[in-house]
C-alpha atoms as a PDB file:
ATOM      1  CA  UNK A   1      25.946 -27.594  -5.535  1.00  0.00           C
ATOM      2  CA  UNK A   2      23.535 -25.415  -3.629  1.00  0.00           C
ATOM      3  CA  UNK A   3      23.241 -26.010   0.081  1.00  0.00           C
ATOM      4  CA  UNK A   4      21.086 -24.288   2.645  1.00  0.00           C
ATOM      5  CA  UNK A   5      22.105 -24.773   6.248  1.00  0.00           C
ATOM      6  CA  UNK A   6      19.863 -23.729   9.116  1.00  0.00           C
ATOM      7  CA  UNK A   7      21.046 -23.046  12.633  1.00  0.00           C
ATOM      8  CA  UNK A   8      19.895 -21.391  15.814  1.00  0.00           C
ATOM      9  CA  UNK A   9      17.283 -23.841  16.973  1.00  0.00           C
ATOM     10  CA  UNK A  10      17.160 -25.334  20.416  1.00  0.00           C
ATOM     11  CA  UNK A  11      15.231 -25.210  23.661  1.00  0.00           C
ATOM     12  CA  UNK A  12      13.770 -21.863  24.672  1.00  0.00           C
ATOM     13  CA  UNK A  13      11.426 -20.724  27.393  1.00  0.00           C
ATOM     14  CA  UNK A  14       7.935 -19.592  26.528  1.00  0.00           C
ATOM     15  CA  UNK A  15       7.873 -15.839  26.055  1.00  0.00           C
ATOM     16  CA  UNK A  16      11.471 -15.639  24.884  1.00  0.00           C
ATOM     17  CA  UNK A  17      12.727 -14.728  21.437  1.00  0.00           C
ATOM     18  CA  UNK A  18      14.731 -16.783  18.978  1.00  0.00           C
ATOM     19  CA  UNK A  19      16.744 -16.050  15.886  1.00  0.00           C
ATOM     20  CA  UNK A  20      17.235 -18.694  13.255  1.00  0.00           C
ATOM     21  CA  UNK A  21      19.840 -18.449  10.501  1.00  0.00           C
ATOM     22  CA  UNK A  22      19.934 -19.921   7.011  1.00  0.00           C
ATOM     23  CA  UNK A  23      23.236 -19.730   5.193  1.00  0.00           C
ATOM     24  CA  UNK A  24      23.465 -20.529   1.497  1.00  0.00           C
ATOM     25  CA  UNK A  25      26.561 -21.898  -0.128  1.00  0.00           C
ATOM     26  CA  UNK A  26      27.359 -19.797  -3.125  1.00  0.00           C
ATOM     27  CA  UNK A  27      25.383 -16.886  -1.786  1.00  0.00           C
ATOM     28  CA  UNK A  28      21.755 -15.867  -1.413  1.00  0.00           C
ATOM     29  CA  UNK A  29      21.748 -13.422  -4.330  1.00  0.00           C
ATOM     30  CA  UNK A  30      21.024 -16.291  -6.705  1.00  0.00           C
ATOM     31  CA  UNK A  31      17.589 -16.802  -5.160  1.00  0.00           C
ATOM     32  CA  UNK A  32      14.528 -14.854  -6.247  1.00  0.00           C
ATOM     33  CA  UNK A  33      12.904 -15.641  -2.934  1.00  0.00           C
ATOM     34  CA  UNK A  34      13.818 -17.325   0.301  1.00  0.00           C
ATOM     35  CA  UNK A  35      11.502 -18.440   3.007  1.00  0.00           C
ATOM     36  CA  UNK A  36      11.081 -20.057   6.368  1.00  0.00           C
ATOM     37  CA  UNK A  37       8.642 -22.883   6.928  1.00  0.00           C
ATOM     38  CA  UNK A  38       7.910 -25.021   9.930  1.00  0.00           C
ATOM     39  CA  UNK A  39       6.479 -28.442  10.552  1.00  0.00           C
ATOM     40  CA  UNK A  40       5.095 -29.452  13.908  1.00  0.00           C
ATOM     41  CA  UNK A  41       4.652 -33.113  14.845  1.00  0.00           C
ATOM     42  CA  UNK A  42       1.678 -34.616  13.033  1.00  0.00           C
ATOM     43  CA  UNK A  43       1.026 -31.445  11.048  1.00  0.00           C
ATOM     44  CA  UNK A  44       1.698 -30.212   7.552  1.00  0.00           C
ATOM     45  CA  UNK A  45       4.563 -27.915   6.770  1.00  0.00           C
ATOM     46  CA  UNK A  46       3.438 -24.288   6.911  1.00  0.00           C
ATOM     47  CA  UNK A  47       4.874 -21.023   5.685  1.00  0.00           C
ATOM     48  CA  UNK A  48       6.261 -18.647   8.294  1.00  0.00           C
ATOM     49  CA  UNK A  49       7.816 -15.869   6.217  1.00  0.00           C
ATOM     50  CA  UNK A  50       9.194 -15.006   2.770  1.00  0.00           C
ATOM     51  CA  UNK A  51      11.742 -12.464   1.612  1.00  0.00           C
ATOM     52  CA  UNK A  52      12.209 -11.566  -2.039  1.00  0.00           C
ATOM     53  CA  UNK A  53      15.336 -10.450  -3.819  1.00  0.00           C
ATOM     54  CA  UNK A  54      14.075  -6.861  -3.836  1.00  0.00           C
ATOM     55  CA  UNK A  55      13.837  -6.965  -0.045  1.00  0.00           C
ATOM     56  CA  UNK A  56      10.075  -7.198   0.097  1.00  0.00           C
ATOM     57  CA  UNK A  57       8.786  -9.460   2.842  1.00  0.00           C
ATOM     58  CA  UNK A  58       5.571 -11.399   3.167  1.00  0.00           C
ATOM     59  CA  UNK A  59       3.952 -13.193   6.064  1.00  0.00           C
ATOM     60  CA  UNK A  60       0.833 -15.234   6.571  1.00  0.00           C
ATOM     61  CA  UNK A  61      -1.504 -13.270   8.814  1.00  0.00           C
ATOM     62  CA  UNK A  62      -1.013 -15.752  11.658  1.00  0.00           C
ATOM     63  CA  UNK A  63       2.768 -15.162  11.660  1.00  0.00           C
ATOM     64  CA  UNK A  64       3.005 -11.460  10.987  1.00  0.00           C
ATOM     65  CA  UNK A  65       2.855 -10.141  14.524  1.00  0.00           C
ATOM     66  CA  UNK A  66       5.663 -12.220  16.029  1.00  0.00           C
ATOM     67  CA  UNK A  67       7.907 -12.968  13.055  1.00  0.00           C
ATOM     68  CA  UNK A  68      10.531 -10.967  11.182  1.00  0.00           C
ATOM     69  CA  UNK A  69      12.518 -12.207   8.213  1.00  0.00           C
ATOM     70  CA  UNK A  70      15.569 -10.311   7.021  1.00  0.00           C
ATOM     71  CA  UNK A  71      18.738 -10.903   5.091  1.00  0.00           C
ATOM     72  CA  UNK A  72      22.424 -10.063   5.190  1.00  0.00           C
ATOM     73  CA  UNK A  73      23.803 -10.426   1.696  1.00  0.00           C
ATOM     74  CA  UNK A  74      27.382  -9.994   2.868  1.00  0.00           C
ATOM     75  CA  UNK A  75      26.975 -13.020   5.135  1.00  0.00           C
ATOM     76  CA  UNK A  76      24.906 -14.994   2.612  1.00  0.00           C
ATOM     77  CA  UNK A  77      22.375 -15.500   5.350  1.00  0.00           C
ATOM     78  CA  UNK A  78      18.645 -15.088   5.830  1.00  0.00           C
ATOM     79  CA  UNK A  79      17.354 -14.781   9.367  1.00  0.00           C
ATOM     80  CA  UNK A  80      14.058 -15.419  11.072  1.00  0.00           C
ATOM     81  CA  UNK A  81      13.369 -13.783  14.385  1.00  0.00           C
ATOM     82  CA  UNK A  82      10.381 -14.916  16.392  1.00  0.00           C
ATOM     83  CA  UNK A  83       9.216 -13.179  19.543  1.00  0.00           C
ATOM     84  CA  UNK A  84       7.052 -14.263  22.440  1.00  0.00           C
ATOM     85  CA  UNK A  85       7.456 -17.926  21.679  1.00  0.00           C
ATOM     86  CA  UNK A  86       4.632 -20.265  22.638  1.00  0.00           C
ATOM     87  CA  UNK A  87       4.409 -24.012  23.044  1.00  0.00           C
ATOM     88  CA  UNK A  88       2.658 -24.212  19.672  1.00  0.00           C
ATOM     89  CA  UNK A  89       5.780 -22.801  18.012  1.00  0.00           C
ATOM     90  CA  UNK A  90       7.504 -26.091  18.671  1.00  0.00           C
ATOM     91  CA  UNK A  91       8.465 -27.470  15.257  1.00  0.00           C
ATOM     92  CA  UNK A  92      11.261 -28.190  12.860  1.00  0.00           C
ATOM     93  CA  UNK A  93      11.997 -24.962  11.003  1.00  0.00           C
ATOM     94  CA  UNK A  94      13.134 -25.190   7.407  1.00  0.00           C
ATOM     95  CA  UNK A  95      14.675 -22.681   5.068  1.00  0.00           C
ATOM     96  CA  UNK A  96      14.011 -22.742   1.359  1.00  0.00           C
ATOM     97  CA  UNK A  97      15.302 -20.851  -1.622  1.00  0.00           C
ATOM     98  CA  UNK A  98      13.837 -20.549  -5.111  1.00  0.00           C
ATOM     99  CA  UNK A  99      15.675 -19.258  -8.125  1.00  0.00           C
ATOM    100  CA  UNK A 100      16.404 -19.890 -11.795  1.00  0.00           C
ATOM    101  CA  UNK A 101      18.315 -23.047 -10.851  1.00  0.00           C
ATOM    102  CA  UNK A 102      15.343 -24.484  -8.992  1.00  0.00           C
ATOM    103  CA  UNK A 103      14.164 -24.843  -5.433  1.00  0.00           C
ATOM    104  CA  UNK A 104      16.188 -25.980  -2.478  1.00  0.00           C
ATOM    105  CA  UNK A 105      15.507 -26.921   1.130  1.00  0.00           C
ATOM    106  CA  UNK A 106      17.718 -27.016   4.150  1.00  0.00           C
ATOM    107  CA  UNK A 107      17.790 -29.921   6.554  1.00  0.00           C
ATOM    108  CA  UNK A 108      15.843 -28.108   9.247  1.00  0.00           C
ATOM    109  CA  UNK A 109      16.508 -27.001  12.786  1.00  0.00           C
ATOM    110  CA  UNK A 110      14.434 -28.081  15.767  1.00  0.00           C
ATOM    111  CA  UNK A 111      12.821 -25.500  18.022  1.00  0.00           C
ATOM    112  CA  UNK A 112      11.349 -26.627  21.315  1.00  0.00           C
ATOM    113  CA  UNK A 113       9.510 -24.298  23.660  1.00  0.00           C
ATOM    114  CA  UNK A 114       9.264 -25.117  27.344  1.00  0.00           C
ATOM    115  CA  UNK A 115       6.448 -23.774  29.474  1.00  0.00           C
END
């Protein structure tokens, strides 16, 4: 059973940074790609960042400046760091993983930005 568990969300002040974690049961090496998405109230889920099994990363242009995705294979964890948080970053952040066994989502972690 594959499980992705996000953590690190919460209430942050505008301008601060945040690091989210996504830990995969059974390890992250099984995934060809892992990503972070977010969904704000009343909006569609959008991609924030992707990291591939070769270490290559990819970001939508709107996320590239303030977002960094990286992985720690020893900890079976993928991280998302976001800097200079704004009120519009308020959303539920989800982790996903895609591999030969299929695609999986975590349950999400809420990020709220106070101004």
